[in-house]
Amino acid sequence: MSTIAVSYAQQSADPSGVWLRDDGNARVRIAPCGSNICATNLWIGDTSKGEEAGDRLVMSLKPKSADTLAGTAYDAKRDRTYAITVQVSGKSLVTRGCILGGVLCKNVHWQSAP
């Protein structure tokens, strides 16, 4: 197991697992990948916004508080880097991605997949 994975395992904010987006349109696996954490689309219902299964965000995250991680997320498909926070609360999490220096942000709510 990588050093970063051990570090996250010791934190109470661990986003690892399979998550369902609250609108029912995505199933994502969050897991360590190298020295980062990756969120990989396992299934996408509506691909009209260009998302597809296999798309991946590579996140560089550090603990911000006991339940929140913060850092950046890189989307290679769109060649875009976002500021991101991931708040973990039991079987749910909230991701907040921002661009343009935090001017444009979006929260997404997730539930742990059964």
PDB file of N, CA and C in Angstrom:
ATOM      1  N   MET A   1       0.855  -1.171   0.000  1.00  0.00           N
ATOM      2  CA  MET A   1       0.000   0.000   0.000  1.00  0.00           C
ATOM      3  C   MET A   1       0.900   1.233   0.000  1.00  0.00           C
ATOM      4  N   SER A   2       0.539   2.245  -0.777  1.00  0.00           N
ATOM      5  CA  SER A   2       1.373   3.435  -0.869  1.00  0.00           C
ATOM      6  C   SER A   2       1.310   4.256   0.412  1.00  0.00           C
ATOM      7  N   THR A   3       2.305   5.124   0.581  1.00  0.00           N
ATOM      8  CA  THR A   3       2.360   5.992   1.755  1.00  0.00           C
ATOM      9  C   THR A   3       1.121   6.859   1.861  1.00  0.00           C
ATOM     10  N   ILE A   4       0.650   7.380   0.725  1.00  0.00           N
ATOM     11  CA  ILE A   4      -0.530   8.250   0.747  1.00  0.00           C
ATOM     12  C   ILE A   4      -1.755   7.465   1.203  1.00  0.00           C
ATOM     13  N   ALA A   5      -1.878   6.216   0.780  1.00  0.00           N
ATOM     14  CA  ALA A   5      -3.019   5.400   1.195  1.00  0.00           C
ATOM     15  C   ALA A   5      -2.982   5.150   2.694  1.00  0.00           C
ATOM     16  N   VAL A   6      -1.805   4.880   3.232  1.00  0.00           N
ATOM     17  CA  VAL A   6      -1.669   4.698   4.675  1.00  0.00           C
ATOM     18  C   VAL A   6      -2.049   5.983   5.392  1.00  0.00           C
ATOM     19  N   SER A   7      -1.603   7.119   4.864  1.00  0.00           N
ATOM     20  CA  SER A   7      -1.924   8.418   5.463  1.00  0.00           C
ATOM     21  C   SER A   7      -3.431   8.633   5.503  1.00  0.00           C
ATOM     22  N   TYR A   8      -4.129   8.340   4.390  1.00  0.00           N
ATOM     23  CA  TYR A   8      -5.572   8.525   4.364  1.00  0.00           C
ATOM     24  C   TYR A   8      -6.287   7.552   5.287  1.00  0.00           C
ATOM     25  N   ALA A   9      -5.777   6.333   5.373  1.00  0.00           N
ATOM     26  CA  ALA A   9      -6.405   5.337   6.243  1.00  0.00           C
ATOM     27  C   ALA A   9      -6.354   5.779   7.699  1.00  0.00           C
ATOM     28  N   GLN A  10      -5.333   6.574   8.065  1.00  0.00           N
ATOM     29  CA  GLN A  10      -5.195   7.033   9.437  1.00  0.00           C
ATOM     30  C   GLN A  10      -6.078   8.248   9.716  1.00  0.00           C
ATOM     31  N   GLN A  11      -6.576   8.896   8.691  1.00  0.00           N
ATOM     32  CA  GLN A  11      -7.442  10.052   8.850  1.00  0.00           C
ATOM     33  C   GLN A  11      -8.897   9.588   8.958  1.00  0.00           C
ATOM     34  N   SER A  12      -9.715  10.366   9.667  1.00  0.00           N
ATOM     35  CA  SER A  12     -11.127  10.011   9.741  1.00  0.00           C
ATOM     36  C   SER A  12     -11.832  10.324   8.426  1.00  0.00           C
ATOM     37  N   ALA A  13     -11.309  11.261   7.642  1.00  0.00           N
ATOM     38  CA  ALA A  13     -11.906  11.606   6.355  1.00  0.00           C
ATOM     39  C   ALA A  13     -11.295  10.722   5.278  1.00  0.00           C
ATOM     40  N   ASP A  14     -11.941   9.588   5.001  1.00  0.00           N
ATOM     41  CA  ASP A  14     -11.454   8.667   3.981  1.00  0.00           C
ATOM     42  C   ASP A  14     -12.537   8.488   2.922  1.00  0.00           C
ATOM     43  N   PRO A  15     -12.355   9.062   1.737  1.00  0.00           N
ATOM     44  CA  PRO A  15     -13.385   8.972   0.700  1.00  0.00           C
ATOM     45  C   PRO A  15     -13.341   7.689  -0.113  1.00  0.00           C
ATOM     46  N   SER A  16     -12.454   6.765   0.200  1.00  0.00           N
ATOM     47  CA  SER A  16     -12.314   5.536  -0.590  1.00  0.00           C
ATOM     48  C   SER A  16     -13.615   4.750  -0.614  1.00  0.00           C
ATOM     49  N   GLY A  17     -13.927   4.209  -1.777  1.00  0.00           N
ATOM     50  CA  GLY A  17     -15.111   3.372  -1.921  1.00  0.00           C
ATOM     51  C   GLY A  17     -15.822   3.631  -3.229  1.00  0.00           C
ATOM     52  N   VAL A  18     -17.002   3.048  -3.377  1.00  0.00           N
ATOM     53  CA  VAL A  18     -17.837   3.257  -4.554  1.00  0.00           C
ATOM     54  C   VAL A  18     -19.013   4.116  -4.124  1.00  0.00           C
ATOM     55  N   TRP A  19     -19.268   5.174  -4.894  1.00  0.00           N
ATOM     56  CA  TRP A  19     -20.253   6.189  -4.536  1.00  0.00           C
ATOM     57  C   TRP A  19     -21.258   6.397  -5.660  1.00  0.00           C
ATOM     58  N   LEU A  20     -22.513   6.671  -5.273  1.00  0.00           N
ATOM     59  CA  LEU A  20     -23.590   6.981  -6.212  1.00  0.00           C
ATOM     60  C   LEU A  20     -23.934   8.459  -6.083  1.00  0.00           C
ATOM     61  N   ARG A  21     -23.927   9.167  -7.219  1.00  0.00           N
ATOM     62  CA  ARG A  21     -24.294  10.584  -7.209  1.00  0.00           C
ATOM     63  C   ARG A  21     -25.777  10.709  -6.877  1.00  0.00           C
ATOM     64  N   ASP A  22     -26.143  11.760  -6.147  1.00  0.00           N
ATOM     65  CA  ASP A  22     -27.518  11.898  -5.647  1.00  0.00           C
ATOM     66  C   ASP A  22     -28.568  11.998  -6.737  1.00  0.00           C
ATOM     67  N   ASP A  23     -28.189  12.377  -7.951  1.00  0.00           N
ATOM     68  CA  ASP A  23     -29.176  12.428  -9.031  1.00  0.00           C
ATOM     69  C   ASP A  23     -29.323  11.077  -9.734  1.00  0.00           C
ATOM     70  N   GLY A  24     -28.588  10.054  -9.255  1.00  0.00           N
ATOM     71  CA  GLY A  24     -28.681   8.718  -9.821  1.00  0.00           C
ATOM     72  C   GLY A  24     -27.984   8.554 -11.160  1.00  0.00           C
ATOM     73  N   ASN A  25     -27.214   9.553 -11.585  1.00  0.00           N
ATOM     74  CA  ASN A  25     -26.633   9.551 -12.914  1.00  0.00           C
ATOM     75  C   ASN A  25     -25.185   9.065 -12.983  1.00  0.00           C
ATOM     76  N   ALA A  26     -24.587   8.736 -11.842  1.00  0.00           N
ATOM     77  CA  ALA A  26     -23.182   8.303 -11.886  1.00  0.00           C
ATOM     78  C   ALA A  26     -22.865   7.360 -10.739  1.00  0.00           C
ATOM     79  N   ARG A  27     -21.944   6.443 -11.038  1.00  0.00           N
ATOM     80  CA  ARG A  27     -21.364   5.528 -10.049  1.00  0.00           C
ATOM     81  C   ARG A  27     -19.849   5.687 -10.204  1.00  0.00           C
ATOM     82  N   VAL A  28     -19.179   6.039  -9.103  1.00  0.00           N
ATOM     83  CA  VAL A  28     -17.761   6.397  -9.142  1.00  0.00           C
ATOM     84  C   VAL A  28     -16.998   5.614  -8.083  1.00  0.00           C
ATOM     85  N   ARG A  29     -15.806   5.154  -8.446  1.00  0.00           N
ATOM     86  CA  ARG A  29     -14.909   4.524  -7.468  1.00  0.00           C
ATOM     87  C   ARG A  29     -13.828   5.539  -7.101  1.00  0.00           C
ATOM     88  N   ILE A  30     -13.651   5.762  -5.791  1.00  0.00           N
ATOM     89  CA  ILE A  30     -12.581   6.616  -5.293  1.00  0.00           C
ATOM     90  C   ILE A  30     -11.576   5.699  -4.607  1.00  0.00           C
ATOM     91  N   ALA A  31     -10.322   5.782  -5.068  1.00  0.00           N
ATOM     92  CA  ALA A  31      -9.289   4.890  -4.551  1.00  0.00           C
ATOM     93  C   ALA A  31      -7.912   5.522  -4.754  1.00  0.00           C
ATOM     94  N   PRO A  32      -6.932   5.097  -3.944  1.00  0.00           N
ATOM     95  CA  PRO A  32      -5.569   5.587  -4.150  1.00  0.00           C
ATOM     96  C   PRO A  32      -5.075   5.216  -5.552  1.00  0.00           C
ATOM     97  N   CYS A  33      -4.298   6.116  -6.148  1.00  0.00           N
ATOM     98  CA  CYS A  33      -3.636   5.843  -7.433  1.00  0.00           C
ATOM     99  C   CYS A  33      -2.281   6.544  -7.387  1.00  0.00           C
ATOM    100  N   GLY A  34      -1.257   5.765  -7.191  1.00  0.00           N
ATOM    101  CA  GLY A  34       0.063   6.355  -7.010  1.00  0.00           C
ATOM    102  C   GLY A  34       0.087   7.178  -5.734  1.00  0.00           C
ATOM    103  N   SER A  35       0.601   8.385  -5.814  1.00  0.00           N
ATOM    104  CA  SER A  35       0.664   9.253  -4.635  1.00  0.00           C
ATOM    105  C   SER A  35      -0.585  10.115  -4.494  1.00  0.00           C
ATOM    106  N   ASN A  36      -1.587   9.892  -5.336  1.00  0.00           N
ATOM    107  CA  ASN A  36      -2.823  10.682  -5.320  1.00  0.00           C
ATOM    108  C   ASN A  36      -4.023   9.786  -5.039  1.00  0.00           C
ATOM    109  N   ILE A  37      -5.196  10.370  -5.205  1.00  0.00           N
ATOM    110  CA  ILE A  37      -6.449   9.621  -5.117  1.00  0.00           C
ATOM    111  C   ILE A  37      -7.182   9.861  -6.429  1.00  0.00           C
ATOM    112  N   CYS A  38      -7.759   8.809  -7.012  1.00  0.00           N
ATOM    113  CA  CYS A  38      -8.486   8.940  -8.267  1.00  0.00           C
ATOM    114  C   CYS A  38      -9.962   8.640  -8.081  1.00  0.00           C
ATOM    115  N   ALA A  39     -10.769   9.422  -8.759  1.00  0.00           N
ATOM    116  CA  ALA A  39     -12.208   9.178  -8.831  1.00  0.00           C
ATOM    117  C   ALA A  39     -12.470   8.747 -10.273  1.00  0.00           C
ATOM    118  N   THR A  40     -12.869   7.484 -10.452  1.00  0.00           N
ATOM    119  CA  THR A  40     -13.060   6.919 -11.787  1.00  0.00           C
ATOM    120  C   THR A  40     -14.531   6.598 -12.000  1.00  0.00           C
ATOM    121  N   ASN A  41     -15.080   7.102 -13.112  1.00  0.00           N
ATOM    122  CA  ASN A  41     -16.466   6.801 -13.453  1.00  0.00           C
ATOM    123  C   ASN A  41     -16.598   5.325 -13.793  1.00  0.00           C
ATOM    124  N   LEU A  42     -17.455   4.620 -13.053  1.00  0.00           N
ATOM    125  CA  LEU A  42     -17.758   3.224 -13.352  1.00  0.00           C
ATOM    126  C   LEU A  42     -18.967   3.116 -14.268  1.00  0.00           C
ATOM    127  N   TRP A  43     -19.908   4.052 -14.113  1.00  0.00           N
ATOM    128  CA  TRP A  43     -21.136   4.059 -14.896  1.00  0.00           C
ATOM    129  C   TRP A  43     -21.657   5.492 -14.961  1.00  0.00           C
ATOM    130  N   ILE A  44     -22.110   5.907 -16.132  1.00  0.00           N
ATOM    131  CA  ILE A  44     -22.718   7.220 -16.339  1.00  0.00           C
ATOM    132  C   ILE A  44     -24.038   7.002 -17.071  1.00  0.00           C
ATOM    133  N   GLY A  45     -25.120   7.549 -16.548  1.00  0.00           N
ATOM    134  CA  GLY A  45     -26.424   7.390 -17.176  1.00  0.00           C
ATOM    135  C   GLY A  45     -26.641   8.342 -18.330  1.00  0.00           C
ATOM    136  N   ASP A  46     -26.404   9.630 -18.124  1.00  0.00           N
ATOM    137  CA  ASP A  46     -26.623  10.648 -19.141  1.00  0.00           C
ATOM    138  C   ASP A  46     -25.256  11.157 -19.596  1.00  0.00           C
ATOM    139  N   THR A  47     -24.862  10.787 -20.793  1.00  0.00           N
ATOM    140  CA  THR A  47     -23.542  11.182 -21.297  1.00  0.00           C
ATOM    141  C   THR A  47     -23.581  12.487 -22.096  1.00  0.00           C
ATOM    142  N   SER A  48     -24.699  13.211 -22.039  1.00  0.00           N
ATOM    143  CA  SER A  48     -24.850  14.428 -22.847  1.00  0.00           C
ATOM    144  C   SER A  48     -23.854  15.527 -22.478  1.00  0.00           C
ATOM    145  N   LYS A  49     -23.303  15.481 -21.282  1.00  0.00           N
ATOM    146  CA  LYS A  49     -22.313  16.498 -20.878  1.00  0.00           C
ATOM    147  C   LYS A  49     -20.888  16.000 -21.109  1.00  0.00           C
ATOM    148  N   GLY A  50     -20.751  14.910 -21.850  1.00  0.00           N
ATOM    149  CA  GLY A  50     -19.440  14.410 -22.232  1.00  0.00           C
ATOM    150  C   GLY A  50     -18.793  13.450 -21.263  1.00  0.00           C
ATOM    151  N   GLU A  51     -19.442  13.149 -20.144  1.00  0.00           N
ATOM    152  CA  GLU A  51     -18.863  12.187 -19.203  1.00  0.00           C
ATOM    153  C   GLU A  51     -19.094  10.770 -19.709  1.00  0.00           C
ATOM    154  N   GLU A  52     -18.087   9.919 -19.482  1.00  0.00           N
ATOM    155  CA  GLU A  52     -18.177   8.533 -19.912  1.00  0.00           C
ATOM    156  C   GLU A  52     -17.593   7.630 -18.840  1.00  0.00           C
ATOM    157  N   ALA A  53     -17.981   6.367 -18.870  1.00  0.00           N
ATOM    158  CA  ALA A  53     -17.354   5.376 -17.991  1.00  0.00           C
ATOM    159  C   ALA A  53     -15.863   5.350 -18.311  1.00  0.00           C
ATOM    160  N   GLY A  54     -15.048   5.265 -17.268  1.00  0.00           N
ATOM    161  CA  GLY A  54     -13.596   5.261 -17.436  1.00  0.00           C
ATOM    162  C   GLY A  54     -12.951   6.619 -17.259  1.00  0.00           C
ATOM    163  N   ASP A  55     -13.720   7.705 -17.388  1.00  0.00           N
ATOM    164  CA  ASP A  55     -13.160   9.043 -17.140  1.00  0.00           C
ATOM    165  C   ASP A  55     -12.672   9.107 -15.706  1.00  0.00           C
ATOM    166  N   ARG A  56     -11.601   9.878 -15.474  1.00  0.00           N
ATOM    167  CA  ARG A  56     -10.996   9.888 -14.142  1.00  0.00           C
ATOM    168  C   ARG A  56     -10.538  11.288 -13.754  1.00  0.00           C
ATOM    169  N   LEU A  57     -10.771  11.623 -12.495  1.00  0.00           N
ATOM    170  CA  LEU A  57     -10.189  12.822 -11.871  1.00  0.00           C
ATOM    171  C   LEU A  57      -9.039  12.352 -10.996  1.00  0.00           C
ATOM    172  N   VAL A  58      -7.892  12.994 -11.115  1.00  0.00           N
ATOM    173  CA  VAL A  58      -6.749  12.690 -10.262  1.00  0.00           C
ATOM    174  C   VAL A  58      -6.677  13.797  -9.214  1.00  0.00           C
ATOM    175  N   MET A  59      -6.880  13.420  -7.950  1.00  0.00           N
ATOM    176  CA  MET A  59      -6.960  14.397  -6.871  1.00  0.00           C
ATOM    177  C   MET A  59      -5.723  14.364  -5.984  1.00  0.00           C
ATOM    178  N   SER A  60      -5.204  15.549  -5.712  1.00  0.00           N
ATOM    179  CA  SER A  60      -4.131  15.735  -4.727  1.00  0.00           C
ATOM    180  C   SER A  60      -4.789  16.391  -3.527  1.00  0.00           C
ATOM    181  N   LEU A  61      -4.992  15.635  -2.457  1.00  0.00           N
ATOM    182  CA  LEU A  61      -5.767  16.105  -1.314  1.00  0.00           C
ATOM    183  C   LEU A  61      -4.951  16.047  -0.032  1.00  0.00           C
ATOM    184  N   LYS A  62      -5.249  16.995   0.850  1.00  0.00           N
ATOM    185  CA  LYS A  62      -4.653  17.005   2.189  1.00  0.00           C
ATOM    186  C   LYS A  62      -5.766  17.263   3.192  1.00  0.00           C
ATOM    187  N   PRO A  63      -5.617  16.752   4.415  1.00  0.00           N
ATOM    188  CA  PRO A  63      -6.641  17.001   5.437  1.00  0.00           C
ATOM    189  C   PRO A  63      -6.804  18.499   5.701  1.00  0.00           C
ATOM    190  N   LYS A  64      -8.061  18.929   5.734  1.00  0.00           N
ATOM    191  CA  LYS A  64      -8.403  20.309   6.086  1.00  0.00           C
ATOM    192  C   LYS A  64      -8.996  20.348   7.489  1.00  0.00           C
ATOM    193  N   SER A  65      -9.742  19.306   7.826  1.00  0.00           N
ATOM    194  CA  SER A  65     -10.318  19.136   9.163  1.00  0.00           C
ATOM    195  C   SER A  65     -10.540  17.640   9.351  1.00  0.00           C
ATOM    196  N   ALA A  66     -11.164  17.250  10.462  1.00  0.00           N
ATOM    197  CA  ALA A  66     -11.376  15.827  10.746  1.00  0.00           C
ATOM    198  C   ALA A  66     -12.236  15.131   9.697  1.00  0.00           C
ATOM    199  N   ASP A  67     -13.131  15.866   9.027  1.00  0.00           N
ATOM    200  CA  ASP A  67     -14.015  15.229   8.047  1.00  0.00           C
ATOM    201  C   ASP A  67     -13.856  15.763   6.626  1.00  0.00           C
ATOM    202  N   THR A  68     -12.868  16.630   6.392  1.00  0.00           N
ATOM    203  CA  THR A  68     -12.744  17.275   5.088  1.00  0.00           C
ATOM    204  C   THR A  68     -11.317  17.224   4.556  1.00  0.00           C
ATOM    205  N   LEU A  69     -11.222  16.912   3.270  1.00  0.00           N
ATOM    206  CA  LEU A  69      -9.960  16.954   2.546  1.00  0.00           C
ATOM    207  C   LEU A  69     -10.067  18.073   1.512  1.00  0.00           C
ATOM    208  N   ALA A  70      -8.955  18.717   1.192  1.00  0.00           N
ATOM    209  CA  ALA A  70      -8.968  19.804   0.216  1.00  0.00           C
ATOM    210  C   ALA A  70      -7.713  19.743  -0.633  1.00  0.00           C
ATOM    211  N   GLY A  71      -7.819  20.252  -1.853  1.00  0.00           N
ATOM    212  CA  GLY A  71      -6.678  20.281  -2.754  1.00  0.00           C
ATOM    213  C   GLY A  71      -7.119  20.579  -4.168  1.00  0.00           C
ATOM    214  N   THR A  72      -6.546  19.821  -5.119  1.00  0.00           N
ATOM    215  CA  THR A  72      -6.875  20.020  -6.525  1.00  0.00           C
ATOM    216  C   THR A  72      -7.293  18.701  -7.157  1.00  0.00           C
ATOM    217  N   ALA A  73      -8.046  18.824  -8.240  1.00  0.00           N
ATOM    218  CA  ALA A  73      -8.455  17.667  -9.038  1.00  0.00           C
ATOM    219  C   ALA A  73      -8.160  17.986 -10.491  1.00  0.00           C
ATOM    220  N   TYR A  74      -7.458  17.077 -11.159  1.00  0.00           N
ATOM    221  CA  TYR A  74      -7.125  17.272 -12.571  1.00  0.00           C
ATOM    222  C   TYR A  74      -7.981  16.351 -13.428  1.00  0.00           C
ATOM    223  N   ASP A  75      -8.657  16.932 -14.410  1.00  0.00           N
ATOM    224  CA  ASP A  75      -9.478  16.209 -15.373  1.00  0.00           C
ATOM    225  C   ASP A  75      -8.720  16.197 -16.699  1.00  0.00           C
ATOM    226  N   ALA A  76      -8.058  15.090 -17.008  1.00  0.00           N
ATOM    227  CA  ALA A  76      -7.233  14.997 -18.219  1.00  0.00           C
ATOM    228  C   ALA A  76      -8.076  15.124 -19.488  1.00  0.00           C
ATOM    229  N   LYS A  77      -9.305  14.617 -19.456  1.00  0.00           N
ATOM    230  CA  LYS A  77     -10.161  14.667 -20.645  1.00  0.00           C
ATOM    231  C   LYS A  77     -10.434  16.114 -21.065  1.00  0.00           C
ATOM    232  N   ARG A  78     -10.626  16.971 -20.088  1.00  0.00           N
ATOM    233  CA  ARG A  78     -10.918  18.379 -20.370  1.00  0.00           C
ATOM    234  C   ARG A  78      -9.694  19.281 -20.194  1.00  0.00           C
ATOM    235  N   ASP A  79      -8.580  18.688 -19.767  1.00  0.00           N
ATOM    236  CA  ASP A  79      -7.346  19.422 -19.476  1.00  0.00           C
ATOM    237  C   ASP A  79      -7.643  20.619 -18.561  1.00  0.00           C
ATOM    238  N   ARG A  80      -8.333  20.320 -17.458  1.00  0.00           N
ATOM    239  CA  ARG A  80      -8.744  21.366 -16.517  1.00  0.00           C
ATOM    240  C   ARG A  80      -8.423  20.927 -15.101  1.00  0.00           C
ATOM    241  N   THR A  81      -7.942  21.870 -14.303  1.00  0.00           N
ATOM    242  CA  THR A  81      -7.673  21.625 -12.887  1.00  0.00           C
ATOM    243  C   THR A  81      -8.672  22.414 -12.060  1.00  0.00           C
ATOM    244  N   TYR A  82      -9.254  21.742 -11.079  1.00  0.00           N
ATOM    245  CA  TYR A  82     -10.249  22.335 -10.199  1.00  0.00           C
ATOM    246  C   TYR A  82      -9.700  22.418  -8.784  1.00  0.00           C
ATOM    247  N   ALA A  83     -10.119  23.413  -8.030  1.00  0.00           N
ATOM    248  CA  ALA A  83      -9.943  23.384  -6.579  1.00  0.00           C
ATOM    249  C   ALA A  83     -11.062  22.483  -6.076  1.00  0.00           C
ATOM    250  N   ILE A  84     -10.760  21.600  -5.137  1.00  0.00           N
ATOM    251  CA  ILE A  84     -11.782  20.654  -4.685  1.00  0.00           C
ATOM    252  C   ILE A  84     -11.718  20.460  -3.178  1.00  0.00           C
ATOM    253  N   THR A  85     -12.888  20.276  -2.583  1.00  0.00           N
ATOM    254  CA  THR A  85     -12.981  19.816  -1.199  1.00  0.00           C
ATOM    255  C   THR A  85     -13.868  18.573  -1.204  1.00  0.00           C
ATOM    256  N   VAL A  86     -13.538  17.642  -0.331  1.00  0.00           N
ATOM    257  CA  VAL A  86     -14.299  16.410  -0.180  1.00  0.00           C
ATOM    258  C   VAL A  86     -14.629  16.271   1.299  1.00  0.00           C
ATOM    259  N   GLN A  87     -15.908  16.350   1.624  1.00  0.00           N
ATOM    260  CA  GLN A  87     -16.357  16.222   3.005  1.00  0.00           C
ATOM    261  C   GLN A  87     -16.999  14.852   3.177  1.00  0.00           C
ATOM    262  N   VAL A  88     -16.453  14.056   4.095  1.00  0.00           N
ATOM    263  CA  VAL A  88     -16.913  12.693   4.327  1.00  0.00           C
ATOM    264  C   VAL A  88     -17.723  12.648   5.617  1.00  0.00           C
ATOM    265  N   SER A  89     -18.914  12.045   5.532  1.00  0.00           N
ATOM    266  CA  SER A  89     -19.775  11.928   6.706  1.00  0.00           C
ATOM    267  C   SER A  89     -20.440  10.558   6.674  1.00  0.00           C
ATOM    268  N   GLY A  90     -19.791   9.576   7.297  1.00  0.00           N
ATOM    269  CA  GLY A  90     -20.352   8.223   7.319  1.00  0.00           C
ATOM    270  C   GLY A  90     -20.505   7.651   5.934  1.00  0.00           C
ATOM    271  N   LYS A  91     -21.747   7.369   5.532  1.00  0.00           N
ATOM    272  CA  LYS A  91     -22.015   6.764   4.232  1.00  0.00           C
ATOM    273  C   LYS A  91     -22.384   7.789   3.177  1.00  0.00           C
ATOM    274  N   SER A  92     -22.009   9.044   3.411  1.00  0.00           N
ATOM    275  CA  SER A  92     -22.249  10.083   2.403  1.00  0.00           C
ATOM    276  C   SER A  92     -21.033  10.993   2.305  1.00  0.00           C
ATOM    277  N   LEU A  93     -20.938  11.655   1.168  1.00  0.00           N
ATOM    278  CA  LEU A  93     -19.897  12.661   1.027  1.00  0.00           C
ATOM    279  C   LEU A  93     -20.397  13.763   0.117  1.00  0.00           C
ATOM    280  N   VAL A  94     -19.753  14.918   0.240  1.00  0.00           N
ATOM    281  CA  VAL A  94     -20.053  16.068  -0.599  1.00  0.00           C
ATOM    282  C   VAL A  94     -18.752  16.511  -1.235  1.00  0.00           C
ATOM    283  N   THR A  95     -18.763  16.627  -2.559  1.00  0.00           N
ATOM    284  CA  THR A  95     -17.612  17.181  -3.254  1.00  0.00           C
ATOM    285  C   THR A  95     -17.976  18.583  -3.714  1.00  0.00           C
ATOM    286  N   ARG A  96     -17.003  19.489  -3.622  1.00  0.00           N
ATOM    287  CA  ARG A  96     -17.202  20.856  -4.096  1.00  0.00           C
ATOM    288  C   ARG A  96     -16.029  21.191  -5.001  1.00  0.00           C
ATOM    289  N   GLY A  97     -16.314  21.363  -6.284  1.00  0.00           N
ATOM    290  CA  GLY A  97     -15.292  21.707  -7.256  1.00  0.00           C
ATOM    291  C   GLY A  97     -15.470  23.135  -7.710  1.00  0.00           C
ATOM    292  N   CYS A  98     -14.354  23.864  -7.829  1.00  0.00           N
ATOM    293  CA  CYS A  98     -14.393  25.272  -8.227  1.00  0.00           C
ATOM    294  C   CYS A  98     -13.366  25.556  -9.316  1.00  0.00           C
ATOM    295  N   ILE A  99     -13.727  26.474 -10.217  1.00  0.00           N
ATOM    296  CA  ILE A  99     -12.805  26.974 -11.226  1.00  0.00           C
ATOM    297  C   ILE A  99     -12.810  28.493 -11.174  1.00  0.00           C
ATOM    298  N   LEU A 100     -11.967  29.106 -11.952  1.00  0.00           N
ATOM    299  CA  LEU A 100     -11.874  30.572 -12.027  1.00  0.00           C
ATOM    300  C   LEU A 100     -11.612  31.196 -10.669  1.00  0.00           C
ATOM    301  N   GLY A 101     -10.679  30.615  -9.935  1.00  0.00           N
ATOM    302  CA  GLY A 101     -10.307  31.174  -8.636  1.00  0.00           C
ATOM    303  C   GLY A 101     -11.422  31.114  -7.608  1.00  0.00           C
ATOM    304  N   GLY A 102     -12.316  30.145  -7.736  1.00  0.00           N
ATOM    305  CA  GLY A 102     -13.409  29.982  -6.775  1.00  0.00           C
ATOM    306  C   GLY A 102     -14.657  30.765  -7.131  1.00  0.00           C
ATOM    307  N   VAL A 103     -14.684  31.372  -8.309  1.00  0.00           N
ATOM    308  CA  VAL A 103     -15.854  32.147  -8.737  1.00  0.00           C
ATOM    309  C   VAL A 103     -17.007  31.235  -9.139  1.00  0.00           C
ATOM    310  N   LEU A 104     -16.682  30.119  -9.788  1.00  0.00           N
ATOM    311  CA  LEU A 104     -17.706  29.187 -10.258  1.00  0.00           C
ATOM    312  C   LEU A 104     -17.499  27.854  -9.552  1.00  0.00           C
ATOM    313  N   CYS A 105     -18.457  27.477  -8.684  1.00  0.00           N
ATOM    314  CA  CYS A 105     -18.333  26.246  -7.888  1.00  0.00           C
ATOM    315  C   CYS A 105     -19.603  25.408  -8.004  1.00  0.00           C
ATOM    316  N   LYS A 106     -19.443  24.105  -7.769  1.00  0.00           N
ATOM    317  CA  LYS A 106     -20.593  23.210  -7.791  1.00  0.00           C
ATOM    318  C   LYS A 106     -20.411  22.152  -6.710  1.00  0.00           C
ATOM    319  N   ASN A 107     -21.443  21.951  -5.894  1.00  0.00           N
ATOM    320  CA  ASN A 107     -21.472  20.883  -4.901  1.00  0.00           C
ATOM    321  C   ASN A 107     -22.170  19.673  -5.502  1.00  0.00           C
ATOM    322  N   VAL A 108     -21.643  18.489  -5.220  1.00  0.00           N
ATOM    323  CA  VAL A 108     -22.293  17.246  -5.617  1.00  0.00           C
ATOM    324  C   VAL A 108     -22.369  16.358  -4.391  1.00  0.00           C
ATOM    325  N   HIS A 109     -23.547  15.797  -4.135  1.00  0.00           N
ATOM    326  CA  HIS A 109     -23.772  14.915  -2.989  1.00  0.00           C
ATOM    327  C   HIS A 109     -23.729  13.471  -3.469  1.00  0.00           C
ATOM    328  N   TRP A 110     -23.112  12.598  -2.644  1.00  0.00           N
ATOM    329  CA  TRP A 110     -22.901  11.196  -2.978  1.00  0.00           C
ATOM    330  C   TRP A 110     -23.326  10.321  -1.808  1.00  0.00           C
ATOM    331  N   GLN A 111     -23.821   9.116  -2.117  1.00  0.00           N
ATOM    332  CA  GLN A 111     -24.143   8.102  -1.111  1.00  0.00           C
ATOM    333  C   GLN A 111     -23.304   6.866  -1.396  1.00  0.00           C
ATOM    334  N   SER A 112     -22.894   6.191  -0.352  1.00  0.00           N
ATOM    335  CA  SER A 112     -22.116   4.958  -0.494  1.00  0.00           C
ATOM    336  C   SER A 112     -22.944   3.924  -1.235  1.00  0.00           C
ATOM    337  N   ALA A 113     -22.321   3.279  -2.224  1.00  0.00           N
ATOM    338  CA  ALA A 113     -23.023   2.255  -2.992  1.00  0.00           C
ATOM    339  C   ALA A 113     -23.134   0.977  -2.160  1.00  0.00           C
ATOM    340  N   PRO A 114     -24.276   0.276  -2.280  1.00  0.00           N
ATOM    341  CA  PRO A 114     -24.439  -0.981  -1.532  1.00  0.00           C
ATOM    342  C   PRO A 114     -23.508  -2.061  -2.048  1.00  0.00           C
TER     343      PRO A 114
END
